[in-house]
Amino acid sequence: MGIFGRKNTTETAATATVAAVNPELAALTGDYTIDPSHSTLGFVARHAMVTNVKGKFNEFTGSLHLDGSDPAASTASLDITMESIDTGSADRDGHLKSSDFFRTEQFPTMTFRSTEAEALGGDDYRITGDLTILGVTKPLTIDLEFNGAAKDPFGNERVGFEGKAEILRSEWGLTWNAALETGGVLVSDKIKLNFDISAIKNA
């Protein structure tokens, strides 16, 4: 069952036909609000060339528009509060909020706005959009898996997605580092992003 994207004209026509006769697919059409209490926006960075440090952002808002009859018309947006960064270490979080990294007083929010989507087959999709950090906007591509839709015990209609992406932080001006005596650097340029999203359909 597809949500985002389309590969070609033939597939698009087939998707529209299925949507017209498939109540389950058509019922997903609508606007959704991301539920932060059941969603995670995480990241992983290589530290000192030998281990991974994991972190997440605890405060964010977001929305989805899903179009069951024309999945390519679906959209997604996120606004992430940079002060909410959490790596499990207060000292490290303070450094990440400082002028060496995110400069959270000057740039309090990181944003993502989707621009296009593509179906890869099955429940796999690829969504592309504009990621803005430190006032710098660059394209970001996220590989997504649609986890399904369900009504929770409180009557909320939910959809779920898992996603992953990789960025080079230097492309957004995040260039601080420190050299190691044994060679290499303290913090990797490549950052892995992980998304686990639960969204509730708006009334």
Protein backbone atom coordinates (compact mmCIF):
# COMPACT_ATOMS: atom_id res chain seq x y z
CA MET A 1 0.00 0.00 0.00
CA GLY A 2 1.66 3.22 -1.15
CA ILE A 3 1.66 6.70 0.31
CA PHE A 4 4.52 8.80 -1.03
CA GLY A 5 5.69 9.15 -4.58
CA ARG A 6 5.45 7.61 -7.99
CA LYS A 7 7.94 6.16 -10.44
CA ASN A 8 6.40 6.76 -13.87
CA THR A 9 3.21 7.64 -15.74
CA THR A 10 2.03 4.02 -15.93
CA GLU A 11 2.53 3.49 -12.22
CA THR A 12 0.78 6.79 -11.46
CA ALA A 13 -2.29 5.77 -13.44
CA ALA A 14 -2.36 2.39 -11.71
CA THR A 15 -2.02 4.02 -8.29
CA ALA A 16 -4.91 6.38 -9.00
CA THR A 17 -7.08 3.48 -10.16
CA VAL A 18 -6.32 1.42 -7.05
CA ALA A 19 -6.96 4.43 -4.81
CA ALA A 20 -10.37 4.90 -6.38
CA VAL A 21 -11.44 1.36 -5.44
CA ASN A 22 -9.41 0.77 -2.30
CA PRO A 23 -11.16 2.34 0.72
CA GLU A 24 -8.23 1.56 3.01
CA LEU A 25 -5.81 3.55 0.84
CA ALA A 26 -8.23 6.38 0.16
CA ALA A 27 -9.03 6.67 3.87
CA LEU A 28 -5.44 7.70 4.60
CA THR A 29 -5.83 10.91 2.63
CA GLY A 30 -5.72 13.95 4.90
CA ASP A 31 -3.62 16.15 7.13
CA TYR A 32 -1.66 14.71 10.04
CA THR A 33 0.19 16.13 13.02
CA ILE A 34 3.38 14.42 14.15
CA ASP A 35 3.11 13.12 17.72
CA PRO A 36 6.41 14.04 19.48
CA SER A 37 5.68 11.78 22.46
CA HIS A 38 5.69 8.73 20.18
CA SER A 39 8.27 9.88 17.63
CA THR A 40 12.06 10.11 17.66
CA LEU A 41 14.41 12.34 15.65
CA GLY A 42 17.85 10.91 16.24
CA PHE A 43 21.40 11.16 14.94
CA VAL A 44 24.69 9.27 15.20
CA ALA A 45 28.19 10.74 14.95
CA ARG A 46 31.54 8.97 15.00
CA HIS A 47 33.63 10.07 18.01
CA ALA A 48 37.44 9.89 18.21
CA MET A 49 37.41 7.53 15.21
CA VAL A 50 36.49 4.57 17.44
CA THR A 51 32.91 4.79 18.70
CA ASN A 52 29.46 6.17 17.92
CA VAL A 53 27.73 8.88 19.93
CA LYS A 54 23.95 8.89 19.64
CA GLY A 55 21.67 11.84 20.24
CA LYS A 56 18.18 13.12 19.61
CA PHE A 57 16.05 16.25 19.69
CA ASN A 58 13.36 16.23 22.37
CA GLU A 59 11.26 19.14 21.10
CA PHE A 60 9.86 19.43 17.59
CA THR A 61 6.67 19.97 15.67
CA GLY A 62 5.70 18.62 12.28
CA SER A 63 2.93 17.86 9.87
CA LEU A 64 2.17 15.54 6.99
CA HIS A 65 -0.29 15.79 4.14
CA LEU A 66 -1.04 12.38 2.65
CA ASP A 67 -2.89 12.10 -0.64
CA GLY A 68 -4.22 8.61 -1.30
CA SER A 69 -5.30 9.35 -4.89
CA ASP A 70 -2.09 11.18 -5.87
CA PRO A 71 0.72 10.13 -3.51
CA ALA A 72 3.22 12.49 -5.18
CA ALA A 73 1.14 15.38 -3.83
CA SER A 74 1.94 14.31 -0.26
CA THR A 75 4.13 16.66 1.77
CA ALA A 76 6.02 16.77 5.06
CA SER A 77 7.46 19.49 7.27
CA LEU A 78 9.45 19.60 10.52
CA ASP A 79 10.52 22.37 12.90
CA ILE A 80 13.11 21.23 15.43
CA THR A 81 14.11 23.16 18.57
CA MET A 82 17.90 23.09 18.71
CA GLU A 83 18.06 23.78 22.46
CA SER A 84 16.41 20.40 22.97
CA ILE A 85 19.45 18.44 21.75
CA ASP A 86 20.13 15.47 24.03
CA THR A 87 23.17 13.19 23.84
CA GLY A 88 23.06 12.03 27.44
CA SER A 89 25.85 14.38 28.52
CA ALA A 90 25.11 17.91 29.74
CA ASP A 91 28.68 19.07 28.96
CA ARG A 92 28.54 17.70 25.42
CA ASP A 93 25.06 19.14 24.85
CA GLY A 94 26.31 22.55 26.01
CA HIS A 95 29.20 22.36 23.55
CA LEU A 96 26.83 21.43 20.72
CA LYS A 97 24.64 24.46 21.53
CA SER A 98 27.65 26.81 21.53
CA SER A 99 29.24 28.87 18.77
CA ASP A 100 31.43 25.88 17.84
CA PHE A 101 28.38 24.03 16.53
CA PHE A 102 24.71 24.99 16.39
CA ARG A 103 24.77 28.55 17.82
CA THR A 104 21.31 27.96 19.22
CA GLU A 105 20.79 31.53 20.46
CA GLN A 106 21.23 32.85 16.92
CA PHE A 107 19.67 29.87 15.11
CA PRO A 108 17.08 28.34 17.46
CA THR A 109 15.35 26.15 14.87
CA MET A 110 16.29 23.56 12.27
CA THR A 111 13.68 23.00 9.56
CA PHE A 112 12.83 20.48 6.86
CA ARG A 113 10.36 21.09 4.02
CA SER A 114 9.71 18.35 1.49
CA THR A 115 9.86 19.13 -2.22
CA GLU A 116 9.30 15.75 -3.91
CA ALA A 117 8.82 12.05 -3.25
CA GLU A 118 9.36 8.76 -5.03
CA ALA A 119 7.98 5.25 -4.63
CA LEU A 120 10.69 2.57 -4.55
CA GLY A 121 8.38 -0.44 -4.38
CA GLY A 122 6.53 -2.15 -1.58
CA ASP A 123 6.48 0.05 1.51
CA ASP A 124 9.75 1.81 0.63
CA TYR A 125 9.86 5.47 -0.40
CA ARG A 126 12.32 8.29 -0.85
CA ILE A 127 11.44 11.85 0.06
CA THR A 128 13.57 14.88 -0.79
CA GLY A 129 13.36 18.32 0.74
CA ASP A 130 15.17 21.39 2.00
CA LEU A 131 17.04 21.08 5.31
CA THR A 132 17.98 24.39 6.93
CA ILE A 133 20.66 24.57 9.64
CA LEU A 134 22.50 27.75 10.71
CA GLY A 135 20.54 29.62 8.05
CA VAL A 136 22.00 27.37 5.32
CA THR A 137 19.55 25.42 3.15
CA LYS A 138 20.66 22.27 1.34
CA PRO A 139 18.75 19.32 -0.14
CA LEU A 140 18.24 16.25 2.03
CA THR A 141 17.04 12.85 0.81
CA ILE A 142 15.41 10.50 3.31
CA ASP A 143 14.70 6.81 2.69
CA LEU A 144 11.41 5.89 4.34
CA GLU A 145 9.54 2.74 5.21
CA PHE A 146 5.79 2.99 5.71
CA ASN A 147 4.95 1.00 8.85
CA GLY A 148 1.19 1.06 8.43
CA ALA A 149 -1.94 2.76 9.73
CA ALA A 150 -4.12 1.99 12.74
CA LYS A 151 -6.66 3.48 15.13
CA ASP A 152 -5.30 3.66 18.68
CA PRO A 153 -7.39 2.96 21.85
CA PHE A 154 -8.19 6.67 22.14
CA GLY A 155 -9.74 6.86 18.68
CA ASN A 156 -6.79 8.55 16.97
CA GLU A 157 -6.07 7.50 13.40
CA ARG A 158 -2.30 7.03 13.16
CA VAL A 159 0.26 6.40 10.45
CA GLY A 160 3.87 5.41 11.07
CA PHE A 161 7.14 5.79 9.17
CA GLU A 162 10.77 4.93 9.79
CA GLY A 163 13.45 6.83 7.94
CA LYS A 164 17.20 7.22 7.57
CA ALA A 165 19.58 9.60 5.86
CA GLU A 166 23.21 10.71 5.91
CA ILE A 167 24.64 14.20 5.68
CA LEU A 168 28.06 15.83 5.70
CA ARG A 169 27.71 18.43 8.47
CA SER A 170 30.38 20.63 6.87
CA GLU A 171 27.98 21.38 4.01
CA TRP A 172 25.83 23.29 6.53
CA GLY A 173 28.78 25.16 8.03
CA LEU A 174 29.30 22.78 10.97
CA THR A 175 33.05 22.54 10.63
CA TRP A 176 34.44 22.55 14.20
CA ASN A 177 36.82 19.71 14.96
CA ALA A 178 39.94 18.73 16.87
CA ALA A 179 42.88 16.67 15.61
CA LEU A 180 43.83 13.44 17.37
CA GLU A 181 47.44 12.62 18.22
CA THR A 182 47.02 9.23 16.57
CA GLY A 183 45.61 10.78 13.41
CA GLY A 184 42.11 11.59 12.35
CA VAL A 185 39.67 13.95 14.03
CA LEU A 186 37.45 14.01 17.10
CA VAL A 187 34.06 14.29 15.37
CA SER A 188 33.11 12.73 12.04
CA ASP A 189 31.91 14.90 9.19
CA LYS A 190 29.35 12.25 8.20
CA ILE A 191 26.26 12.20 10.42
CA LYS A 192 23.60 9.51 10.27
CA LEU A 193 20.01 10.65 10.78
CA ASN A 194 17.23 8.38 12.06
CA PHE A 195 13.51 9.11 12.04
CA ASP A 196 10.75 7.15 13.78
CA ILE A 197 7.51 8.99 13.14
CA SER A 198 3.98 8.52 14.46
CA ALA A 199 1.43 11.00 13.14
CA ILE A 200 -2.22 11.54 14.08
CA LYS A 201 -4.85 12.42 11.49
CA ASN A 202 -6.40 15.83 12.12
CA ALA A 203 -10.09 15.93 12.95
